[in-house]
Amino acid sequence: PPHFLGVWCPEPGSLRLMCFDPDELAAFPFEEIVGWFKQSN
């Protein structure tokens, strides 16, 4: 609340919690994430 987005995820040794403002999120092309997660933690 009131208009934000939270995300939690497990990291090595910790839980990470993030807050994003949807209005601030910039668009990106799908090409940026093709294969990206496979090469990243």
PDB file of all heavy atoms in Angstrom:
ATOM      1  N   PRO A   1       0.828  -1.203   0.000  1.00  0.00           N
ATOM      2  CA  PRO A   1       0.000   0.000   0.000  1.00  0.00           C
ATOM      3  C   PRO A   1       0.872   1.267   0.000  1.00  0.00           C
ATOM      4  O   PRO A   1       1.950   1.265   0.588  1.00  0.00           O
ATOM      5  CB  PRO A   1      -0.788  -0.115   1.315  1.00  0.00           C
ATOM      6  CG  PRO A   1      -0.741  -1.576   1.653  1.00  0.00           C
ATOM      7  CD  PRO A   1       0.578  -2.063   1.158  1.00  0.00           C
ATOM      8  N   PRO A   2       0.415   2.361  -0.659  1.00  0.00           N
ATOM      9  CA  PRO A   2      -0.890   2.429  -1.325  1.00  0.00           C
ATOM     10  C   PRO A   2      -0.863   1.960  -2.783  1.00  0.00           C
ATOM     11  O   PRO A   2      -1.850   1.448  -3.273  1.00  0.00           O
ATOM     12  CB  PRO A   2      -1.230   3.918  -1.239  1.00  0.00           C
ATOM     13  CG  PRO A   2       0.112   4.595  -1.258  1.00  0.00           C
ATOM     14  CD  PRO A   2       1.063   3.682  -0.541  1.00  0.00           C
ATOM     15  N   HIS A   3       0.275   2.143  -3.502  1.00  0.00           N
ATOM     16  CA  HIS A   3       0.264   1.831  -4.935  1.00  0.00           C
ATOM     17  C   HIS A   3       1.557   1.170  -5.395  1.00  0.00           C
ATOM     18  O   HIS A   3       1.889   1.227  -6.582  1.00  0.00           O
ATOM     19  CB  HIS A   3       0.038   3.107  -5.772  1.00  0.00           C
ATOM     20  CG  HIS A   3      -1.238   3.819  -5.471  1.00  0.00           C
ATOM     21  ND1 HIS A   3      -2.474   3.323  -5.829  1.00  0.00           N
ATOM     22  CD2 HIS A   3      -1.479   4.976  -4.815  1.00  0.00           C
ATOM     23  CE1 HIS A   3      -3.426   4.162  -5.428  1.00  0.00           C
ATOM     24  NE2 HIS A   3      -2.844   5.169  -4.818  1.00  0.00           N
ATOM     25  N   PHE A   4       2.299   0.562  -4.495  1.00  0.00           N
ATOM     26  CA  PHE A   4       3.588  -0.026  -4.865  1.00  0.00           C
ATOM     27  C   PHE A   4       3.470  -1.539  -5.040  1.00  0.00           C
ATOM     28  O   PHE A   4       2.488  -2.173  -4.638  1.00  0.00           O
ATOM     29  CB  PHE A   4       4.654   0.289  -3.819  1.00  0.00           C
ATOM     30  CG  PHE A   4       4.964   1.755  -3.692  1.00  0.00           C
ATOM     31  CD1 PHE A   4       5.402   2.283  -2.476  1.00  0.00           C
ATOM     32  CD2 PHE A   4       4.821   2.620  -4.768  1.00  0.00           C
ATOM     33  CE1 PHE A   4       5.692   3.624  -2.349  1.00  0.00           C
ATOM     34  CE2 PHE A   4       5.116   3.966  -4.646  1.00  0.00           C
ATOM     35  CZ  PHE A   4       5.551   4.473  -3.432  1.00  0.00           C
ATOM     36  N   LEU A   5       4.509  -2.105  -5.627  1.00  0.00           N
ATOM     37  CA  LEU A   5       4.609  -3.554  -5.819  1.00  0.00           C
ATOM     38  C   LEU A   5       5.806  -4.067  -5.037  1.00  0.00           C
ATOM     39  O   LEU A   5       6.917  -3.552  -5.184  1.00  0.00           O
ATOM     40  CB  LEU A   5       4.781  -3.872  -7.306  1.00  0.00           C
ATOM     41  CG  LEU A   5       5.219  -5.309  -7.654  1.00  0.00           C
ATOM     42  CD1 LEU A   5       4.131  -6.303  -7.284  1.00  0.00           C
ATOM     43  CD2 LEU A   5       5.569  -5.417  -9.141  1.00  0.00           C
ATOM     44  N   GLY A   6       5.585  -5.073  -4.213  1.00  0.00           N
ATOM     45  CA  GLY A   6       6.677  -5.722  -3.497  1.00  0.00           C
ATOM     46  C   GLY A   6       6.987  -7.069  -4.129  1.00  0.00           C
ATOM     47  O   GLY A   6       6.119  -7.706  -4.736  1.00  0.00           O
ATOM     48  N   VAL A   7       8.233  -7.498  -4.005  1.00  0.00           N
ATOM     49  CA  VAL A   7       8.658  -8.825  -4.445  1.00  0.00           C
ATOM     50  C   VAL A   7       9.621  -9.373  -3.402  1.00  0.00           C
ATOM     51  O   VAL A   7      10.540  -8.669  -2.972  1.00  0.00           O
ATOM     52  CB  VAL A   7       9.383  -8.784  -5.811  1.00  0.00           C
ATOM     53  CG1 VAL A   7       9.852 -10.187  -6.206  1.00  0.00           C
ATOM     54  CG2 VAL A   7       8.494  -8.207  -6.901  1.00  0.00           C
ATOM     55  N   TRP A   8       9.387 -10.620  -2.959  1.00  0.00           N
ATOM     56  CA  TRP A   8      10.402 -11.259  -2.114  1.00  0.00           C
ATOM     57  C   TRP A   8      10.899 -12.521  -2.809  1.00  0.00           C
ATOM     58  O   TRP A   8      10.171 -13.167  -3.569  1.00  0.00           O
ATOM     59  CB  TRP A   8       9.880 -11.549  -0.703  1.00  0.00           C
ATOM     60  CG  TRP A   8       8.867 -12.650  -0.532  1.00  0.00           C
ATOM     61  CD1 TRP A   8       7.517 -12.510  -0.395  1.00  0.00           C
ATOM     62  CD2 TRP A   8       9.119 -14.066  -0.433  1.00  0.00           C
ATOM     63  NE1 TRP A   8       6.909 -13.730  -0.239  1.00  0.00           N
ATOM     64  CE2 TRP A   8       7.872 -14.717  -0.254  1.00  0.00           C
ATOM     65  CE3 TRP A   8      10.268 -14.848  -0.483  1.00  0.00           C
ATOM     66  CZ2 TRP A   8       7.752 -16.095  -0.128  1.00  0.00           C
ATOM     67  CZ3 TRP A   8      10.156 -16.221  -0.358  1.00  0.00           C
ATOM     68  CH2 TRP A   8       8.909 -16.832  -0.178  1.00  0.00           C
ATOM     69  N   CYS A   9      12.164 -12.840  -2.552  1.00  0.00           N
ATOM     70  CA  CYS A   9      12.754 -14.034  -3.147  1.00  0.00           C
ATOM     71  C   CYS A   9      13.912 -14.499  -2.269  1.00  0.00           C
ATOM     72  O   CYS A   9      14.524 -13.698  -1.554  1.00  0.00           O
ATOM     73  CB  CYS A   9      13.235 -13.765  -4.574  1.00  0.00           C
ATOM     74  SG  CYS A   9      14.492 -12.489  -4.714  1.00  0.00           S
ATOM     75  N   PRO A  10      14.212 -15.786  -2.283  1.00  0.00           N
ATOM     76  CA  PRO A  10      15.357 -16.283  -1.514  1.00  0.00           C
ATOM     77  C   PRO A  10      16.661 -15.986  -2.240  1.00  0.00           C
ATOM     78  O   PRO A  10      16.751 -16.085  -3.456  1.00  0.00           O
ATOM     79  CB  PRO A  10      15.102 -17.796  -1.444  1.00  0.00           C
ATOM     80  CG  PRO A  10      14.300 -18.091  -2.674  1.00  0.00           C
ATOM     81  CD  PRO A  10      13.469 -16.873  -2.950  1.00  0.00           C
ATOM     82  N   GLU A  11      17.642 -15.566  -1.483  1.00  0.00           N
ATOM     83  CA  GLU A  11      19.007 -15.394  -1.965  1.00  0.00           C
ATOM     84  C   GLU A  11      19.907 -16.246  -1.085  1.00  0.00           C
ATOM     85  O   GLU A  11      19.487 -16.677  -0.002  1.00  0.00           O
ATOM     86  CB  GLU A  11      19.428 -13.918  -1.883  1.00  0.00           C
ATOM     87  CG  GLU A  11      18.608 -12.969  -2.736  1.00  0.00           C
ATOM     88  CD  GLU A  11      18.986 -13.027  -4.205  1.00  0.00           C
ATOM     89  OE1 GLU A  11      19.916 -13.782  -4.552  1.00  0.00           O
ATOM     90  OE2 GLU A  11      18.346 -12.327  -5.001  1.00  0.00           O
ATOM     91  N   PRO A  12      21.143 -16.522  -1.511  1.00  0.00           N
ATOM     92  CA  PRO A  12      22.049 -17.291  -0.645  1.00  0.00           C
ATOM     93  C   PRO A  12      22.221 -16.604   0.712  1.00  0.00           C
ATOM     94  O   PRO A  12      22.706 -15.480   0.789  1.00  0.00           O
ATOM     95  CB  PRO A  12      23.367 -17.293  -1.435  1.00  0.00           C
ATOM     96  CG  PRO A  12      22.952 -17.124  -2.858  1.00  0.00           C
ATOM     97  CD  PRO A  12      21.761 -16.219  -2.822  1.00  0.00           C
ATOM     98  N   GLY A  13      21.729 -17.241   1.756  1.00  0.00           N
ATOM     99  CA  GLY A  13      21.893 -16.714   3.108  1.00  0.00           C
ATOM    100  C   GLY A  13      20.873 -15.698   3.551  1.00  0.00           C
ATOM    101  O   GLY A  13      20.905 -15.253   4.701  1.00  0.00           O
ATOM    102  N   SER A  14      19.956 -15.294   2.671  1.00  0.00           N
ATOM    103  CA  SER A  14      19.008 -14.253   3.083  1.00  0.00           C
ATOM    104  C   SER A  14      17.723 -14.318   2.274  1.00  0.00           C
ATOM    105  O   SER A  14      17.639 -15.002   1.250  1.00  0.00           O
ATOM    106  CB  SER A  14      19.639 -12.863   2.925  1.00  0.00           C
ATOM    107  OG  SER A  14      19.807 -12.551   1.557  1.00  0.00           O
ATOM    108  N   LEU A  15      16.734 -13.578   2.754  1.00  0.00           N
ATOM    109  CA  LEU A  15      15.533 -13.274   1.987  1.00  0.00           C
ATOM    110  C   LEU A  15      15.662 -11.829   1.516  1.00  0.00           C
ATOM    111  O   LEU A  15      15.976 -10.946   2.306  1.00  0.00           O
ATOM    112  CB  LEU A  15      14.276 -13.425   2.838  1.00  0.00           C
ATOM    113  CG  LEU A  15      13.872 -14.847   3.238  1.00  0.00           C
ATOM    114  CD1 LEU A  15      12.746 -14.785   4.260  1.00  0.00           C
ATOM    115  CD2 LEU A  15      13.430 -15.642   2.024  1.00  0.00           C
ATOM    116  N   ARG A  16      15.440 -11.604   0.242  1.00  0.00           N
ATOM    117  CA  ARG A  16      15.530 -10.255  -0.314  1.00  0.00           C
ATOM    118  C   ARG A  16      14.133  -9.734  -0.559  1.00  0.00           C
ATOM    119  O   ARG A  16      13.302 -10.430  -1.164  1.00  0.00           O
ATOM    120  CB  ARG A  16      16.331 -10.267  -1.611  1.00  0.00           C
ATOM    121  CG  ARG A  16      16.537  -8.901  -2.245  1.00  0.00           C
ATOM    122  CD  ARG A  16      17.219  -9.042  -3.598  1.00  0.00           C
ATOM    123  NE  ARG A  16      17.490  -7.743  -4.205  1.00  0.00           N
ATOM    124  CZ  ARG A  16      17.869  -7.572  -5.465  1.00  0.00           C
ATOM    125  NH1 ARG A  16      18.010  -8.639  -6.263  1.00  0.00           N
ATOM    126  NH2 ARG A  16      18.093  -6.363  -5.951  1.00  0.00           N
ATOM    127  N   LEU A  17      13.855  -8.515  -0.108  1.00  0.00           N
ATOM    128  CA  LEU A  17      12.556  -7.887  -0.311  1.00  0.00           C
ATOM    129  C   LEU A  17      12.759  -6.573  -1.044  1.00  0.00           C
ATOM    130  O   LEU A  17      13.587  -5.743  -0.639  1.00  0.00           O
ATOM    131  CB  LEU A  17      11.841  -7.651   1.017  1.00  0.00           C
ATOM    132  CG  LEU A  17      11.456  -8.929   1.770  1.00  0.00           C
ATOM    133  CD1 LEU A  17      12.489  -9.238   2.839  1.00  0.00           C
ATOM    134  CD2 LEU A  17      10.073  -8.803   2.391  1.00  0.00           C
ATOM    135  N   MET A  18      12.010  -6.377  -2.132  1.00  0.00           N
ATOM    136  CA  MET A  18      12.149  -5.207  -2.984  1.00  0.00           C
ATOM    137  C   MET A  18      10.815  -4.487  -3.127  1.00  0.00           C
ATOM    138  O   MET A  18       9.763  -5.116  -3.118  1.00  0.00           O
ATOM    139  CB  MET A  18      12.643  -5.628  -4.370  1.00  0.00           C
ATOM    140  CG  MET A  18      14.069  -6.138  -4.415  1.00  0.00           C
ATOM    141  SD  MET A  18      14.387  -7.175  -5.883  1.00  0.00           S
ATOM    142  CE  MET A  18      13.734  -8.743  -5.294  1.00  0.00           C
ATOM    143  N   CYS A  19      10.887  -3.177  -3.276  1.00  0.00           N
ATOM    144  CA  CYS A  19       9.709  -2.342  -3.515  1.00  0.00           C
ATOM    145  C   CYS A  19       9.898  -1.614  -4.842  1.00  0.00           C
ATOM    146  O   CYS A  19      10.931  -0.966  -5.059  1.00  0.00           O
ATOM    147  CB  CYS A  19       9.540  -1.338  -2.377  1.00  0.00           C
ATOM    148  SG  CYS A  19       8.355  -0.013  -2.733  1.00  0.00           S
ATOM    149  N   PHE A  20       8.910  -1.729  -5.734  1.00  0.00           N
ATOM    150  CA  PHE A  20       8.925  -1.026  -7.016  1.00  0.00           C
ATOM    151  C   PHE A  20       7.711  -0.106  -7.111  1.00  0.00           C
ATOM    152  O   PHE A  20       6.629  -0.452  -6.643  1.00  0.00           O
ATOM    153  CB  PHE A  20       8.874  -2.017  -8.179  1.00  0.00           C
ATOM    154  CG  PHE A  20      10.083  -2.900  -8.299  1.00  0.00           C
ATOM    155  CD1 PHE A  20      10.090  -4.157  -7.713  1.00  0.00           C
ATOM    156  CD2 PHE A  20      11.198  -2.483  -9.006  1.00  0.00           C
ATOM    157  CE1 PHE A  20      11.203  -4.989  -7.826  1.00  0.00           C
ATOM    158  CE2 PHE A  20      12.319  -3.304  -9.126  1.00  0.00           C
ATOM    159  CZ  PHE A  20      12.315  -4.555  -8.539  1.00  0.00           C
ATOM    160  N   ASP A  21       7.910   1.047  -7.724  1.00  0.00           N
ATOM    161  CA  ASP A  21       6.795   1.920  -8.083  1.00  0.00           C
ATOM    162  C   ASP A  21       6.445   1.603  -9.532  1.00  0.00           C
ATOM    163  O   ASP A  21       7.238   1.876 -10.439  1.00  0.00           O
ATOM    164  CB  ASP A  21       7.204   3.386  -7.946  1.00  0.00           C
ATOM    165  CG  ASP A  21       6.056   4.346  -8.255  1.00  0.00           C
ATOM    166  OD1 ASP A  21       5.061   3.913  -8.881  1.00  0.00           O
ATOM    167  OD2 ASP A  21       6.152   5.530  -7.895  1.00  0.00           O
ATOM    168  N   PRO A  22       5.297   0.994  -9.806  1.00  0.00           N
ATOM    169  CA  PRO A  22       4.952   0.626 -11.193  1.00  0.00           C
ATOM    170  C   PRO A  22       5.031   1.790 -12.171  1.00  0.00           C
ATOM    171  O   PRO A  22       5.410   1.603 -13.332  1.00  0.00           O
ATOM    172  CB  PRO A  22       3.528   0.079 -11.065  1.00  0.00           C
ATOM    173  CG  PRO A  22       3.435  -0.400  -9.655  1.00  0.00           C
ATOM    174  CD  PRO A  22       4.257   0.557  -8.858  1.00  0.00           C
ATOM    175  N   ASP A  23       4.679   2.995 -11.707  1.00  0.00           N
ATOM    176  CA  ASP A  23       4.730   4.153 -12.596  1.00  0.00           C
ATOM    177  C   ASP A  23       6.150   4.484 -13.032  1.00  0.00           C
ATOM    178  O   ASP A  23       6.353   5.130 -14.071  1.00  0.00           O
ATOM    179  CB  ASP A  23       4.124   5.385 -11.912  1.00  0.00           C
ATOM    180  CG  ASP A  23       2.599   5.381 -11.954  1.00  0.00           C
ATOM    181  OD1 ASP A  23       2.040   4.857 -12.940  1.00  0.00           O
ATOM    182  OD2 ASP A  23       1.972   5.901 -11.014  1.00  0.00           O
ATOM    183  N   GLU A  24       7.142   4.075 -12.248  1.00  0.00           N
ATOM    184  CA  GLU A  24       8.534   4.396 -12.562  1.00  0.00           C
ATOM    185  C   GLU A  24       9.206   3.332 -13.420  1.00  0.00           C
ATOM    186  O   GLU A  24      10.288   3.560 -13.966  1.00  0.00           O
ATOM    187  CB  GLU A  24       9.338   4.567 -11.264  1.00  0.00           C
ATOM    188  CG  GLU A  24       8.919   5.759 -10.422  1.00  0.00           C
ATOM    189  CD  GLU A  24       9.696   5.833  -9.118  1.00  0.00           C
ATOM    190  OE1 GLU A  24      10.459   4.875  -8.831  1.00  0.00           O
ATOM    191  OE2 GLU A  24       9.546   6.835  -8.399  1.00  0.00           O
ATOM    192  N   LEU A  25       8.591   2.160 -13.538  1.00  0.00           N
ATOM    193  CA  LEU A  25       9.236   1.060 -14.260  1.00  0.00           C
ATOM    194  C   LEU A  25       9.309   1.356 -15.759  1.00  0.00           C
ATOM    195  O   LEU A  25       8.288   1.588 -16.404  1.00  0.00           O
ATOM    196  CB  LEU A  25       8.469  -0.248 -14.025  1.00  0.00           C
ATOM    197  CG  LEU A  25       8.565  -0.851 -12.630  1.00  0.00           C
ATOM    198  CD1 LEU A  25       7.601  -2.025 -12.491  1.00  0.00           C
ATOM    199  CD2 LEU A  25       9.996  -1.294 -12.324  1.00  0.00           C
ATOM    200  N   ALA A  26      10.527   1.316 -16.292  1.00  0.00           N
ATOM    201  CA  ALA A  26      10.725   1.554 -17.723  1.00  0.00           C
ATOM    202  C   ALA A  26      10.529   0.260 -18.500  1.00  0.00           C
ATOM    203  O   ALA A  26      10.892  -0.827 -18.033  1.00  0.00           O
ATOM    204  CB  ALA A  26      12.123   2.111 -17.968  1.00  0.00           C
ATOM    205  N   ALA A  27       9.965   0.362 -19.691  1.00  0.00           N
ATOM    206  CA  ALA A  27       9.777  -0.809 -20.551  1.00  0.00           C
ATOM    207  C   ALA A  27      11.121  -1.224 -21.147  1.00  0.00           C
ATOM    208  O   ALA A  27      12.033  -0.410 -21.306  1.00  0.00           O
ATOM    209  CB  ALA A  27       8.782  -0.496 -21.659  1.00  0.00           C
ATOM    210  N   PHE A  28      11.237  -2.511 -21.447  1.00  0.00           N
ATOM    211  CA  PHE A  28      12.432  -3.028 -22.116  1.00  0.00           C
ATOM    212  C   PHE A  28      12.000  -4.107 -23.103  1.00  0.00           C
ATOM    213  O   PHE A  28      10.942  -4.723 -22.942  1.00  0.00           O
ATOM    214  CB  PHE A  28      13.443  -3.572 -21.093  1.00  0.00           C
ATOM    215  CG  PHE A  28      12.890  -4.629 -20.172  1.00  0.00           C
ATOM    216  CD1 PHE A  28      12.850  -5.973 -20.548  1.00  0.00           C
ATOM    217  CD2 PHE A  28      12.399  -4.288 -18.905  1.00  0.00           C
ATOM    218  CE1 PHE A  28      12.341  -6.941 -19.696  1.00  0.00           C
ATOM    219  CE2 PHE A  28      11.881  -5.251 -18.052  1.00  0.00           C
ATOM    220  CZ  PHE A  28      11.861  -6.582 -18.444  1.00  0.00           C
ATOM    221  N   PRO A  29      12.808  -4.359 -24.127  1.00  0.00           N
ATOM    222  CA  PRO A  29      12.439  -5.385 -25.113  1.00  0.00           C
ATOM    223  C   PRO A  29      12.674  -6.787 -24.558  1.00  0.00           C
ATOM    224  O   PRO A  29      13.558  -7.006 -23.728  1.00  0.00           O
ATOM    225  CB  PRO A  29      13.377  -5.100 -26.288  1.00  0.00           C
ATOM    226  CG  PRO A  29      14.563  -4.430 -25.673  1.00  0.00           C
ATOM    227  CD  PRO A  29      14.031  -3.629 -24.512  1.00  0.00           C
ATOM    228  N   PHE A  30      11.883  -7.737 -25.033  1.00  0.00           N
ATOM    229  CA  PHE A  30      12.052  -9.122 -24.599  1.00  0.00           C
ATOM    230  C   PHE A  30      13.464  -9.630 -24.886  1.00  0.00           C
ATOM    231  O   PHE A  30      13.976 -10.483 -24.170  1.00  0.00           O
ATOM    232  CB  PHE A  30      11.032 -10.029 -25.292  1.00  0.00           C
ATOM    233  CG  PHE A  30       9.670 -10.011 -24.664  1.00  0.00           C
ATOM    234  CD1 PHE A  30       8.565  -9.598 -25.380  1.00  0.00           C
ATOM    235  CD2 PHE A  30       9.498 -10.415 -23.347  1.00  0.00           C
ATOM    236  CE1 PHE A  30       7.303  -9.584 -24.801  1.00  0.00           C
ATOM    237  CE2 PHE A  30       8.247 -10.405 -22.757  1.00  0.00           C
ATOM    238  CZ  PHE A  30       7.139  -9.983 -23.477  1.00  0.00           C
ATOM    239  N   GLU A  31      14.097  -9.086 -25.924  1.00  0.00           N
ATOM    240  CA  GLU A  31      15.446  -9.534 -26.281  1.00  0.00           C
ATOM    241  C   GLU A  31      16.433  -9.366 -25.131  1.00  0.00           C
ATOM    242  O   GLU A  31      17.419 -10.101 -25.036  1.00  0.00           O
ATOM    243  CB  GLU A  31      15.954  -8.770 -27.511  1.00  0.00           C
ATOM    244  CG  GLU A  31      15.285  -9.142 -28.822  1.00  0.00           C
ATOM    245  CD  GLU A  31      13.893  -8.534 -28.969  1.00  0.00           C
ATOM    246  OE1 GLU A  31      13.530  -7.661 -28.152  1.00  0.00           O
ATOM    247  OE2 GLU A  31      13.169  -8.947 -29.896  1.00  0.00           O
ATOM    248  N   GLU A  32      16.172  -8.404 -24.243  1.00  0.00           N
ATOM    249  CA  GLU A  32      17.093  -8.159 -23.124  1.00  0.00           C
ATOM    250  C   GLU A  32      17.115  -9.315 -22.124  1.00  0.00           C
ATOM    251  O   GLU A  32      18.094  -9.492 -21.409  1.00  0.00           O
ATOM    252  CB  GLU A  32      16.727  -6.855 -22.400  1.00  0.00           C
ATOM    253  CG  GLU A  32      17.153  -5.614 -23.135  1.00  0.00           C
ATOM    254  CD  GLU A  32      17.037  -4.372 -22.260  1.00  0.00           C
ATOM    255  OE1 GLU A  32      16.957  -4.510 -21.019  1.00  0.00           O
ATOM    256  OE2 GLU A  32      17.005  -3.264 -22.823  1.00  0.00           O
ATOM    257  N   ILE A  33      16.041 -10.081 -22.046  1.00  0.00           N
ATOM    258  CA  ILE A  33      15.984 -11.140 -21.037  1.00  0.00           C
ATOM    259  C   ILE A  33      16.046 -12.542 -21.629  1.00  0.00           C
ATOM    260  O   ILE A  33      16.055 -13.523 -20.881  1.00  0.00           O
ATOM    261  CB  ILE A  33      14.720 -11.010 -20.151  1.00  0.00           C
ATOM    262  CG1 ILE A  33      13.439 -10.971 -20.999  1.00  0.00           C
ATOM    263  CG2 ILE A  33      14.816  -9.807 -19.248  1.00  0.00           C
ATOM    264  CD1 ILE A  33      12.171 -11.024 -20.167  1.00  0.00           C
ATOM    265  N   VAL A  34      16.105 -12.644 -22.964  1.00  0.00           N
ATOM    266  CA  VAL A  34      16.244 -13.966 -23.578  1.00  0.00           C
ATOM    267  C   VAL A  34      17.592 -14.558 -23.162  1.00  0.00           C
ATOM    268  O   VAL A  34      18.645 -14.019 -23.467  1.00  0.00           O
ATOM    269  CB  VAL A  34      16.148 -13.880 -25.115  1.00  0.00           C
ATOM    270  CG1 VAL A  34      16.551 -15.207 -25.748  1.00  0.00           C
ATOM    271  CG2 VAL A  34      14.731 -13.509 -25.537  1.00  0.00           C
ATOM    272  N   GLY A  35      17.555 -15.629 -22.421  1.00  0.00           N
ATOM    273  CA  GLY A  35      18.769 -16.291 -21.979  1.00  0.00           C
ATOM    274  C   GLY A  35      19.474 -15.618 -20.821  1.00  0.00           C
ATOM    275  O   GLY A  35      20.431 -16.168 -20.267  1.00  0.00           O
ATOM    276  N   TRP A  36      19.008 -14.421 -20.410  1.00  0.00           N
ATOM    277  CA  TRP A  36      19.716 -13.670 -19.359  1.00  0.00           C
ATOM    278  C   TRP A  36      19.687 -14.402 -18.028  1.00  0.00           C
ATOM    279  O   TRP A  36      20.712 -14.524 -17.344  1.00  0.00           O
ATOM    280  CB  TRP A  36      19.090 -12.282 -19.211  1.00  0.00           C
ATOM    281  CG  TRP A  36      19.843 -11.391 -18.261  1.00  0.00           C
ATOM    282  CD1 TRP A  36      20.966 -10.659 -18.528  1.00  0.00           C
ATOM    283  CD2 TRP A  36      19.523 -11.138 -16.893  1.00  0.00           C
ATOM    284  NE1 TRP A  36      21.359  -9.976 -17.406  1.00  0.00           N
ATOM    285  CE2 TRP A  36      20.495 -10.250 -16.381  1.00  0.00           C
ATOM    286  CE3 TRP A  36      18.519 -11.585 -16.027  1.00  0.00           C
ATOM    287  CZ2 TRP A  36      20.479  -9.795 -15.070  1.00  0.00           C
ATOM    288  CZ3 TRP A  36      18.515 -11.136 -14.725  1.00  0.00           C
ATOM    289  CH2 TRP A  36      19.486 -10.250 -14.253  1.00  0.00           C
ATOM    290  N   PHE A  37      18.523 -14.896 -17.643  1.00  0.00           N
ATOM    291  CA  PHE A  37      18.415 -15.548 -16.347  1.00  0.00           C
ATOM    292  C   PHE A  37      19.229 -16.839 -16.294  1.00  0.00           C
ATOM    293  O   PHE A  37      19.695 -17.235 -15.231  1.00  0.00           O
ATOM    294  CB  PHE A  37      16.949 -15.849 -16.018  1.00  0.00           C
ATOM    295  CG  PHE A  37      16.186 -14.643 -15.534  1.00  0.00           C
ATOM    296  CD1 PHE A  37      15.091 -14.161 -16.238  1.00  0.00           C
ATOM    297  CD2 PHE A  37      16.545 -13.991 -14.371  1.00  0.00           C
ATOM    298  CE1 PHE A  37      14.384 -13.063 -15.792  1.00  0.00           C
ATOM    299  CE2 PHE A  37      15.843 -12.885 -13.918  1.00  0.00           C
ATOM    300  CZ  PHE A  37      14.758 -12.421 -14.625  1.00  0.00           C
ATOM    301  N   LYS A  38      19.388 -17.501 -17.427  1.00  0.00           N
ATOM    302  CA  LYS A  38      20.169 -18.740 -17.441  1.00  0.00           C
ATOM    303  C   LYS A  38      21.643 -18.481 -17.162  1.00  0.00           C
ATOM    304  O   LYS A  38      22.354 -19.363 -16.679  1.00  0.00           O
ATOM    305  CB  LYS A  38      20.006 -19.442 -18.794  1.00  0.00           C
ATOM    306  CG  LYS A  38      18.598 -19.963 -19.049  1.00  0.00           C
ATOM    307  CD  LYS A  38      18.502 -20.654 -20.405  1.00  0.00           C
ATOM    308  CE  LYS A  38      17.078 -21.152 -20.656  1.00  0.00           C
ATOM    309  NZ  LYS A  38      16.948 -21.786 -21.984  1.00  0.00           N
ATOM    310  N   GLN A  39      22.102 -17.268 -17.449  1.00  0.00           N
ATOM    311  CA  GLN A  39      23.502 -16.925 -17.252  1.00  0.00           C
ATOM    312  C   GLN A  39      23.732 -16.139 -15.973  1.00  0.00           C
ATOM    313  O   GLN A  39      24.853 -15.745 -15.678  1.00  0.00           O
ATOM    314  CB  GLN A  39      23.997 -16.097 -18.442  1.00  0.00           C
ATOM    315  CG  GLN A  39      23.851 -16.793 -19.782  1.00  0.00           C
ATOM    316  CD  GLN A  39      24.138 -15.859 -20.947  1.00  0.00           C
ATOM    317  OE1 GLN A  39      24.820 -14.856 -20.796  1.00  0.00           O
ATOM    318  NE2 GLN A  39      23.617 -16.196 -22.122  1.00  0.00           N
ATOM    319  N   SER A  40      22.686 -15.898 -15.225  1.00  0.00           N
ATOM    320  CA  SER A  40      22.788 -15.049 -14.043  1.00  0.00           C
ATOM    321  C   SER A  40      22.137 -15.728 -12.847  1.00  0.00           C
ATOM    322  O   SER A  40      21.235 -16.553 -12.993  1.00  0.00           O
ATOM    323  CB  SER A  40      22.098 -13.705 -14.322  1.00  0.00           C
ATOM    324  OG  SER A  40      21.947 -12.954 -13.142  1.00  0.00           O
ATOM    325  N   ASN A  41      22.591 -15.347 -11.655  1.00  0.00           N
ATOM    326  CA  ASN A  41      21.955 -15.830 -10.432  1.00  0.00           C
ATOM    327  C   ASN A  41      20.816 -14.922  -9.989  1.00  0.00           C
ATOM    328  O   ASN A  41      20.162 -15.191  -8.991  1.00  0.00           O
ATOM    329  CB  ASN A  41      22.998 -15.924  -9.307  1.00  0.00           C
ATOM    330  CG  ASN A  41      24.016 -17.015  -9.570  1.00  0.00           C
ATOM    331  OD1 ASN A  41      23.681 -18.061 -10.110  1.00  0.00           O
ATOM    332  ND2 ASN A  41      25.265 -16.768  -9.193  1.00  0.00           N
TER     333      ASN A  41
END
